[in-house]
Amino acid sequence: MEAVIDRKKQTAFRLSCDLLTKLKEAATRENRSLNNYVESVLMDVIYNNPNKLTIKAMKEARENHELETLNSDDIETMINSS
């Protein structure tokens, strides 16, 4: 089995003290190192871009335009019919 080497490059950023404190708190809550937490947040931003339909749905949800109320019984029925 061939080993996969994850190439990384060390770099430095200047962050506000408040932001750094918040990042450290968030990393601690998730039981992760600060480096791992910041890297995962940045990866989410770069690689998890929603498509146009999802963006439209997110905008509609934020603006609360004629949203339908879902009946949880209907969801249970749908799940059980699969």
N, C-alpha and C. Protein backbone atom coordinates (compact mmCIF):
# COMPACT_ATOMS: atom_id res chain seq x y z
N MET A 1 0.85 -1.17 0.00
CA MET A 1 0.00 0.00 0.00
C MET A 1 0.89 1.24 0.00
N GLU A 2 0.59 2.18 -0.86
CA GLU A 2 1.40 3.38 -1.00
C GLU A 2 0.92 4.47 -0.05
N ALA A 3 1.84 5.10 0.65
CA ALA A 3 1.49 6.16 1.59
C ALA A 3 1.19 7.45 0.84
N VAL A 4 0.18 8.16 1.30
CA VAL A 4 -0.17 9.44 0.72
C VAL A 4 0.44 10.53 1.60
N ILE A 5 1.21 11.40 0.98
CA ILE A 5 1.85 12.47 1.72
C ILE A 5 1.05 13.75 1.49
N ASP A 6 0.55 14.30 2.58
CA ASP A 6 -0.22 15.54 2.51
C ASP A 6 0.76 16.71 2.59
N ARG A 7 1.03 17.32 1.46
CA ARG A 7 2.01 18.41 1.43
C ARG A 7 1.38 19.67 2.03
N LYS A 8 2.08 20.25 2.97
CA LYS A 8 1.61 21.48 3.59
C LYS A 8 2.74 22.47 3.63
N LYS A 9 2.38 23.73 3.62
CA LYS A 9 3.36 24.79 3.68
C LYS A 9 3.01 25.69 4.85
N GLN A 10 3.99 25.95 5.68
CA GLN A 10 3.78 26.83 6.82
C GLN A 10 3.68 28.26 6.34
N THR A 11 2.75 29.00 6.94
CA THR A 11 2.57 30.40 6.57
C THR A 11 2.15 31.18 7.81
N ALA A 12 2.13 32.47 7.71
CA ALA A 12 1.73 33.32 8.83
C ALA A 12 0.68 34.32 8.38
N PHE A 13 -0.27 34.60 9.27
CA PHE A 13 -1.31 35.59 9.02
C PHE A 13 -1.39 36.52 10.20
N ARG A 14 -1.81 37.73 9.95
CA ARG A 14 -2.10 38.67 11.03
C ARG A 14 -3.61 38.68 11.21
N LEU A 15 -4.06 38.35 12.41
CA LEU A 15 -5.48 38.33 12.73
C LEU A 15 -5.73 39.23 13.93
N SER A 16 -6.92 39.78 14.00
CA SER A 16 -7.25 40.59 15.17
C SER A 16 -7.25 39.69 16.41
N CYS A 17 -6.93 40.27 17.54
CA CYS A 17 -6.90 39.49 18.79
C CYS A 17 -8.27 38.88 19.09
N ASP A 18 -9.33 39.66 18.83
CA ASP A 18 -10.69 39.14 19.08
C ASP A 18 -11.00 37.94 18.20
N LEU A 19 -10.65 38.04 16.93
CA LEU A 19 -10.90 36.92 16.01
C LEU A 19 -10.10 35.70 16.43
N LEU A 20 -8.86 35.88 16.79
CA LEU A 20 -8.02 34.77 17.22
C LEU A 20 -8.61 34.10 18.46
N THR A 21 -9.08 34.90 19.39
CA THR A 21 -9.72 34.35 20.60
C THR A 21 -10.94 33.51 20.24
N LYS A 22 -11.77 34.04 19.35
CA LYS A 22 -12.98 33.30 18.93
C LYS A 22 -12.61 32.00 18.22
N LEU A 23 -11.58 32.04 17.37
CA LEU A 23 -11.15 30.83 16.68
C LEU A 23 -10.64 29.78 17.66
N LYS A 24 -9.87 30.21 18.65
CA LYS A 24 -9.37 29.28 19.66
C LYS A 24 -10.51 28.66 20.46
N GLU A 25 -11.50 29.47 20.81
CA GLU A 25 -12.66 28.96 21.55
C GLU A 25 -13.43 27.94 20.71
N ALA A 26 -13.62 28.25 19.44
CA ALA A 26 -14.34 27.33 18.55
C ALA A 26 -13.57 26.02 18.38
N ALA A 27 -12.26 26.11 18.24
CA ALA A 27 -11.43 24.91 18.10
C ALA A 27 -11.52 24.06 19.36
N THR A 28 -11.48 24.70 20.51
CA THR A 28 -11.57 23.97 21.78
C THR A 28 -12.92 23.28 21.90
N ARG A 29 -14.00 23.97 21.53
CA ARG A 29 -15.34 23.36 21.59
C ARG A 29 -15.41 22.10 20.73
N GLU A 30 -14.70 22.10 19.62
CA GLU A 30 -14.72 20.94 18.71
C GLU A 30 -13.58 19.97 18.98
N ASN A 31 -12.84 20.22 20.07
CA ASN A 31 -11.73 19.35 20.47
C ASN A 31 -10.72 19.17 19.33
N ARG A 32 -10.35 20.31 18.72
CA ARG A 32 -9.42 20.30 17.61
C ARG A 32 -8.32 21.31 17.89
N SER A 33 -7.20 21.14 17.20
CA SER A 33 -6.15 22.14 17.30
C SER A 33 -6.59 23.38 16.54
N LEU A 34 -6.01 24.51 16.89
CA LEU A 34 -6.34 25.74 16.19
C LEU A 34 -6.01 25.61 14.71
N ASN A 35 -4.85 25.04 14.39
CA ASN A 35 -4.45 24.87 13.00
C ASN A 35 -5.47 24.01 12.24
N ASN A 36 -5.85 22.88 12.83
CA ASN A 36 -6.79 21.98 12.17
C ASN A 36 -8.15 22.65 11.99
N TYR A 37 -8.58 23.38 13.00
CA TYR A 37 -9.88 24.05 12.92
C TYR A 37 -9.89 25.11 11.81
N VAL A 38 -8.88 25.97 11.81
CA VAL A 38 -8.82 27.03 10.79
C VAL A 38 -8.70 26.43 9.40
N GLU A 39 -7.89 25.40 9.25
CA GLU A 39 -7.75 24.75 7.94
C GLU A 39 -9.09 24.17 7.48
N SER A 40 -9.83 23.54 8.37
CA SER A 40 -11.11 22.94 7.97
C SER A 40 -12.13 24.01 7.62
N VAL A 41 -12.15 25.12 8.35
CA VAL A 41 -13.06 26.23 8.03
C VAL A 41 -12.74 26.80 6.65
N LEU A 42 -11.46 26.98 6.38
CA LEU A 42 -11.06 27.50 5.07
C LEU A 42 -11.38 26.52 3.95
N MET A 43 -11.20 25.24 4.21
CA MET A 43 -11.53 24.21 3.20
C MET A 43 -13.03 24.25 2.89
N ASP A 44 -13.87 24.41 3.92
CA ASP A 44 -15.32 24.50 3.71
C ASP A 44 -15.65 25.70 2.82
N VAL A 45 -15.02 26.82 3.08
CA VAL A 45 -15.29 28.03 2.30
C VAL A 45 -14.89 27.83 0.84
N ILE A 46 -13.76 27.22 0.62
CA ILE A 46 -13.24 27.06 -0.74
C ILE A 46 -13.94 25.97 -1.52
N TYR A 47 -14.23 24.83 -0.88
CA TYR A 47 -14.71 23.67 -1.63
C TYR A 47 -16.20 23.39 -1.51
N ASN A 48 -16.90 24.02 -0.62
CA ASN A 48 -18.33 23.73 -0.45
C ASN A 48 -19.19 24.90 -0.93
N ASN A 49 -19.12 25.16 -2.20
CA ASN A 49 -19.90 26.24 -2.79
C ASN A 49 -21.26 25.71 -3.23
N PRO A 50 -22.34 26.30 -2.73
CA PRO A 50 -23.67 25.83 -3.14
C PRO A 50 -23.96 26.18 -4.60
N ASN A 51 -24.79 25.34 -5.24
CA ASN A 51 -25.17 25.62 -6.63
C ASN A 51 -26.25 26.70 -6.68
N LYS A 52 -26.63 27.13 -7.86
CA LYS A 52 -27.58 28.23 -8.02
C LYS A 52 -28.93 27.94 -7.38
N LEU A 53 -29.41 26.71 -7.50
CA LEU A 53 -30.71 26.34 -6.92
C LEU A 53 -30.66 26.43 -5.39
N THR A 54 -29.56 25.96 -4.82
CA THR A 54 -29.40 26.01 -3.37
C THR A 54 -29.29 27.45 -2.89
N ILE A 55 -28.55 28.27 -3.62
CA ILE A 55 -28.42 29.69 -3.26
C ILE A 55 -29.78 30.37 -3.28
N LYS A 56 -30.59 30.05 -4.31
CA LYS A 56 -31.94 30.63 -4.42
C LYS A 56 -32.79 30.20 -3.23
N ALA A 57 -32.72 28.92 -2.85
CA ALA A 57 -33.50 28.42 -1.72
C ALA A 57 -33.05 29.07 -0.41
N MET A 58 -31.75 29.25 -0.26
CA MET A 58 -31.23 29.90 0.94
C MET A 58 -31.72 31.34 1.03
N LYS A 59 -31.72 32.03 -0.10
CA LYS A 59 -32.18 33.42 -0.13
C LYS A 59 -33.67 33.49 0.22
N GLU A 60 -34.47 32.58 -0.35
CA GLU A 60 -35.90 32.56 -0.05
C GLU A 60 -36.14 32.28 1.43
N ALA A 61 -35.36 31.36 2.00
CA ALA A 61 -35.53 31.03 3.41
C ALA A 61 -35.18 32.23 4.29
N ARG A 62 -34.12 32.94 3.94
CA ARG A 62 -33.73 34.12 4.72
C ARG A 62 -34.78 35.22 4.64
N GLU A 63 -35.37 35.37 3.46
CA GLU A 63 -36.35 36.44 3.25
C GLU A 63 -37.76 36.01 3.66
N ASN A 64 -37.94 34.71 3.94
CA ASN A 64 -39.20 34.16 4.44
C ASN A 64 -40.37 34.41 3.49
N HIS A 65 -40.16 34.27 2.18
CA HIS A 65 -41.21 34.47 1.19
C HIS A 65 -42.04 33.20 1.02
N GLU A 66 -43.26 33.25 1.48
CA GLU A 66 -44.23 32.18 1.24
C GLU A 66 -43.65 30.79 1.49
N LEU A 67 -43.02 30.60 2.63
CA LEU A 67 -42.48 29.29 2.95
C LEU A 67 -43.60 28.35 3.37
N GLU A 68 -43.49 27.12 2.95
CA GLU A 68 -44.49 26.12 3.31
C GLU A 68 -44.13 25.50 4.65
N THR A 69 -45.15 25.13 5.42
CA THR A 69 -44.93 24.42 6.66
C THR A 69 -45.00 22.93 6.34
N LEU A 70 -43.98 22.20 6.75
CA LEU A 70 -43.95 20.77 6.50
C LEU A 70 -44.56 20.03 7.67
N ASN A 71 -45.37 19.05 7.35
CA ASN A 71 -45.96 18.20 8.37
C ASN A 71 -45.01 17.04 8.61
N SER A 72 -44.57 16.85 9.84
CA SER A 72 -43.60 15.79 10.12
C SER A 72 -44.16 14.41 9.82
N ASP A 73 -45.49 14.24 9.86
CA ASP A 73 -46.09 12.95 9.51
C ASP A 73 -45.85 12.65 8.03
N ASP A 74 -45.91 13.68 7.18
CA ASP A 74 -45.66 13.50 5.76
C ASP A 74 -44.21 13.07 5.52
N ILE A 75 -43.29 13.64 6.28
CA ILE A 75 -41.88 13.27 6.13
C ILE A 75 -41.67 11.83 6.54
N GLU A 76 -42.29 11.41 7.64
CA GLU A 76 -42.18 10.02 8.09
C GLU A 76 -42.72 9.07 7.02
N THR A 77 -43.85 9.42 6.42
CA THR A 77 -44.44 8.60 5.36
C THR A 77 -43.51 8.51 4.16
N MET A 78 -42.93 9.64 3.78
CA MET A 78 -42.01 9.66 2.65
C MET A 78 -40.79 8.78 2.93
N ILE A 79 -40.22 8.91 4.12
CA ILE A 79 -39.05 8.12 4.48
C ILE A 79 -39.37 6.63 4.48
N ASN A 80 -40.50 6.28 5.03
CA ASN A 80 -40.87 4.87 5.14
C ASN A 80 -41.27 4.26 3.80
N SER A 81 -41.59 5.09 2.81
CA SER A 81 -41.99 4.55 1.51
C SER A 81 -40.79 4.22 0.63
N SER A 82 -39.60 4.61 1.04
CA SER A 82 -38.39 4.38 0.23
C SER A 82 -37.98 2.94 0.25
